[in-house]
Amino acid sequence: MVPDQTVELLLFRLAGRGYASWREQVREVVDVGAGLPPIPGLPSSSLAALHGDDRPVSLVSLRLALGMPDAGAEGRILVVESKQGPVGFLVDEAIGVAAIPSDQIRALPSRLGSRYISANVEHEGETWSLIKWEAIRLPAGMRSR
């Protein structure tokens, strides 16, 4: 990254921990019916929008994909671009889009990181783990459009 460059990240929570995604990888944030307000800077939609082009987007609980206990169908769905196509990942809470100075993003050495975390980001006194969506294993046979 170029020093003094600012990047946009979507910040979200899962099981009480802070996570982040590159903003350009997130297509939309879907309200699962709780009537939550839209996330500024991102398209927002309802569950009905996940069935576009007559083929539904694959849905995955990010908690289950990462080996965490299930928390049910509450939260928001982040529809992200993956190598399988668009996939909806259920997360506990979407915080918002943040402009982060690139020097606050610290890549993790492969021997220290997990397969799905590429870096840590310091923002407002908290550490956020940057997700590598392509490293998350989808259940066998799951493909998106």
Protein backbone atom coordinates (compact mmCIF):
# COMPACT_ATOMS: atom_id res chain seq x y z
CA MET A 1 0.00 0.00 0.00
CA VAL A 2 1.06 3.55 -0.65
CA PRO A 3 1.77 5.56 2.55
CA ASP A 4 -0.92 8.12 3.41
CA GLN A 5 -3.44 6.34 1.17
CA THR A 6 -6.90 5.77 2.60
CA VAL A 7 -8.90 2.60 1.91
CA GLU A 8 -12.54 1.80 2.66
CA LEU A 9 -13.38 -1.19 4.81
CA LEU A 10 -16.74 -2.53 5.94
CA LEU A 11 -16.53 -3.25 9.67
CA PHE A 12 -18.67 -5.99 11.19
CA ARG A 13 -18.89 -8.20 14.28
CA LEU A 14 -19.06 -11.91 14.73
CA ALA A 15 -19.21 -13.58 18.18
CA GLY A 16 -18.10 -10.33 19.82
CA ARG A 17 -14.97 -9.89 17.65
CA GLY A 18 -14.37 -7.16 15.10
CA TYR A 19 -13.85 -8.11 11.45
CA ALA A 20 -13.37 -6.09 8.28
CA SER A 21 -13.80 -6.57 4.54
CA TRP A 22 -12.54 -4.54 1.62
CA ARG A 23 -15.51 -2.31 0.74
CA GLU A 24 -15.28 -3.13 -2.98
CA GLN A 25 -15.81 -6.84 -2.26
CA VAL A 26 -19.20 -6.19 -0.62
CA ARG A 27 -22.06 -5.91 -3.11
CA GLU A 28 -24.81 -5.18 -0.62
CA VAL A 29 -25.94 -5.55 2.98
CA VAL A 30 -29.22 -7.38 3.48
CA ASP A 31 -31.52 -6.83 6.43
CA VAL A 32 -32.87 -10.18 7.61
CA GLY A 33 -36.15 -8.58 8.69
CA ALA A 34 -35.22 -6.74 11.87
CA GLY A 35 -35.83 -3.31 10.30
CA LEU A 36 -32.25 -2.14 10.79
CA PRO A 37 -31.27 1.11 9.08
CA PRO A 38 -29.15 0.95 5.89
CA ILE A 39 -25.35 1.08 6.15
CA PRO A 40 -24.22 4.42 4.68
CA GLY A 41 -22.19 3.90 1.52
CA LEU A 42 -23.57 0.44 0.72
CA PRO A 43 -26.65 -0.74 -1.14
CA SER A 44 -29.23 -2.17 1.25
CA SER A 45 -31.97 -4.61 0.43
CA SER A 46 -34.33 -7.21 1.84
CA LEU A 47 -34.20 -10.99 1.70
CA ALA A 48 -36.32 -10.96 -1.47
CA ALA A 49 -33.42 -9.38 -3.39
CA LEU A 50 -31.28 -12.49 -2.89
CA HIS A 51 -33.29 -14.28 -5.57
CA GLY A 52 -32.27 -12.07 -8.51
CA ASP A 53 -31.97 -13.47 -12.04
CA ASP A 54 -34.21 -16.42 -11.01
CA ARG A 55 -31.26 -18.03 -9.15
CA PRO A 56 -30.74 -17.42 -5.44
CA VAL A 57 -27.44 -16.32 -3.97
CA SER A 58 -25.91 -19.03 -1.74
CA LEU A 59 -26.28 -18.20 1.95
CA VAL A 60 -23.77 -19.23 4.61
CA SER A 61 -23.61 -18.52 8.32
CA LEU A 62 -20.13 -17.06 8.75
CA ARG A 63 -20.15 -18.34 12.33
CA LEU A 64 -20.63 -21.93 11.16
CA ALA A 65 -18.14 -21.56 8.29
CA LEU A 66 -15.48 -20.46 10.78
CA GLY A 67 -16.31 -23.18 13.33
CA MET A 68 -18.13 -20.95 15.84
CA PRO A 69 -21.40 -21.79 17.61
CA ASP A 70 -24.57 -20.96 15.69
CA ALA A 71 -26.46 -17.87 16.88
CA GLY A 72 -29.55 -18.32 14.73
CA ALA A 73 -30.80 -16.19 11.86
CA GLU A 74 -30.25 -12.74 13.34
CA GLY A 75 -27.96 -10.02 12.09
CA ARG A 76 -27.21 -8.98 8.52
CA ILE A 77 -26.18 -10.73 5.34
CA LEU A 78 -23.11 -9.39 3.56
CA VAL A 79 -23.29 -10.30 -0.12
CA VAL A 80 -19.66 -10.50 -1.21
CA GLU A 81 -17.80 -11.37 -4.39
CA SER A 82 -16.01 -14.69 -4.05
CA LYS A 83 -14.39 -17.11 -6.44
CA GLN A 84 -17.70 -19.04 -6.36
CA GLY A 85 -19.61 -15.91 -7.39
CA PRO A 86 -21.74 -13.78 -5.06
CA VAL A 87 -22.25 -15.40 -1.66
CA GLY A 88 -24.31 -14.10 1.26
CA PHE A 89 -22.59 -14.45 4.64
CA LEU A 90 -24.72 -14.03 7.77
CA VAL A 91 -22.89 -11.90 10.36
CA ASP A 92 -23.98 -10.74 13.81
CA GLU A 93 -23.76 -7.00 13.17
CA ALA A 94 -22.66 -4.67 10.37
CA ILE A 95 -21.06 -1.56 11.88
CA GLY A 96 -20.43 0.58 8.81
CA VAL A 97 -17.90 1.67 6.21
CA ALA A 98 -14.72 3.28 7.56
CA ALA A 99 -11.98 5.15 5.72
CA ILE A 100 -8.75 3.67 7.11
CA PRO A 101 -5.23 4.98 6.52
CA SER A 102 -3.36 2.18 4.76
CA ASP A 103 -0.53 2.33 7.31
CA GLN A 104 -2.99 1.03 9.95
CA ILE A 105 -3.34 -2.28 8.08
CA ARG A 106 -0.79 -4.84 9.28
CA ALA A 107 -0.42 -7.97 7.14
CA LEU A 108 -0.08 -11.16 9.17
CA PRO A 109 2.80 -13.52 8.46
CA SER A 110 1.29 -16.74 7.10
CA ARG A 111 2.66 -18.76 10.02
CA LEU A 112 0.82 -16.54 12.53
CA GLY A 113 -2.47 -15.88 10.77
CA SER A 114 -5.37 -18.14 10.15
CA ARG A 115 -6.22 -19.19 6.63
CA TYR A 116 -9.09 -16.68 6.45
CA ILE A 117 -7.47 -13.61 8.09
CA SER A 118 -4.96 -11.65 6.01
CA ALA A 119 -4.27 -8.65 8.24
CA ASN A 120 -5.21 -6.75 11.37
CA VAL A 121 -6.50 -3.19 11.24
CA GLU A 122 -6.33 -0.66 14.07
CA HIS A 123 -9.31 1.68 14.09
CA GLU A 124 -10.67 3.82 16.93
CA GLY A 125 -8.77 1.87 19.58
CA GLU A 126 -9.92 -1.55 18.42
CA THR A 127 -8.33 -4.30 16.35
CA TRP A 128 -10.32 -5.61 13.38
CA SER A 129 -9.36 -8.79 11.50
CA LEU A 130 -9.41 -8.43 7.70
CA ILE A 131 -11.28 -11.37 6.14
CA LYS A 132 -10.04 -13.25 3.06
CA TRP A 133 -13.39 -14.32 1.63
CA GLU A 134 -11.76 -16.64 -0.93
CA ALA A 135 -10.21 -18.67 1.92
CA ILE A 136 -13.55 -19.51 3.54
CA ARG A 137 -14.65 -23.00 2.65
CA LEU A 138 -18.24 -23.25 1.57
CA PRO A 139 -20.20 -26.42 2.30
CA ALA A 140 -19.69 -29.15 -0.31
CA GLY A 141 -21.79 -28.69 -3.41
CA MET A 142 -22.60 -25.06 -2.65
CA ARG A 143 -22.18 -22.84 -5.66
CA SER A 144 -23.57 -19.46 -6.47
CA ARG A 145 -24.66 -18.08 -9.80
